Amino acid sequence: MKVFVKKEDCIGCGMCADVCPEVFEIGSDGYSDATGEPSAHYDKVMEAAEICPVNAIEVQ
């Protein structure tokens, strides 16, 4: 499983980091980064992708 945050779409709302802080964090640029191991948190990663208001999270 791989997770990417499309920086050009991200608005930095932080919802993904609230749902799954093990994988997502807001970087110094104010936008989300996928930094953790997504496979260990599959359900939370999928929830974060679903609630992203701008669909900036891509899960492969």
Protein backbone atom coordinates (compact mmCIF):
# COMPACT_ATOMS: atom_id res chain seq x y z
CA MET A 1 0.00 0.00 0.00
CA LYS A 2 1.25 3.46 -0.90
CA VAL A 3 -0.26 6.80 0.06
CA PHE A 4 0.38 10.13 -1.61
CA VAL A 5 -0.87 13.60 -0.82
CA LYS A 6 -1.33 15.69 -3.95
CA LYS A 7 0.21 18.97 -2.79
CA GLU A 8 -1.40 20.92 -5.62
CA ASP A 9 -4.83 19.94 -4.27
CA CYS A 10 -4.20 19.93 -0.50
CA ILE A 11 -5.66 22.87 1.43
CA GLY A 12 -3.97 21.98 4.74
CA CYS A 13 -7.20 21.52 6.69
CA GLY A 14 -5.63 18.77 8.83
CA MET A 15 -8.57 16.38 8.81
CA CYS A 16 -6.34 13.51 7.64
CA ALA A 17 -3.87 14.13 10.47
CA ASP A 18 -6.74 14.20 12.96
CA VAL A 19 -8.08 10.85 11.75
CA CYS A 20 -4.75 9.11 11.21
CA PRO A 21 -1.82 10.88 12.90
CA GLU A 22 0.24 7.69 12.55
CA VAL A 23 0.49 8.32 8.79
CA PHE A 24 -0.38 11.98 8.11
CA GLU A 25 1.08 15.18 9.48
CA ILE A 26 0.93 18.83 8.55
CA GLY A 27 4.36 19.86 7.31
CA SER A 28 6.16 23.14 7.80
CA ASP A 29 4.69 24.27 4.47
CA GLY A 30 1.17 24.04 5.96
CA TYR A 31 0.14 21.06 3.82
CA SER A 32 -0.30 17.41 4.64
CA ASP A 33 2.44 14.82 4.21
CA ALA A 34 2.11 11.04 4.33
CA THR A 35 5.05 10.06 6.52
CA GLY A 36 4.09 6.89 8.36
CA GLU A 37 3.59 3.25 7.40
CA PRO A 38 0.11 3.13 5.82
CA SER A 39 -0.27 -0.65 5.70
CA ALA A 40 -0.37 -0.87 9.49
CA HIS A 41 -3.28 1.61 9.60
CA TYR A 42 -5.33 0.64 6.55
CA ASP A 43 -8.78 1.51 7.94
CA LYS A 44 -7.70 4.92 9.21
CA VAL A 45 -5.88 5.75 5.96
CA MET A 46 -8.98 4.89 3.95
CA GLU A 47 -11.15 7.00 6.26
CA ALA A 48 -8.76 9.94 5.90
CA ALA A 49 -8.87 9.62 2.10
CA GLU A 50 -12.68 9.52 2.15
CA ILE A 51 -13.10 12.60 4.36
CA CYS A 52 -10.55 14.76 2.56
CA PRO A 53 -12.69 17.68 1.33
CA VAL A 54 -10.58 18.16 -1.82
CA ASN A 55 -9.71 14.49 -2.56
CA ALA A 56 -5.99 15.18 -2.23
CA ILE A 57 -5.12 11.74 -0.82
CA GLU A 58 -4.32 8.99 -3.28
CA VAL A 59 -4.13 5.40 -2.07
CA GLN A 60 -2.56 2.72 -4.24
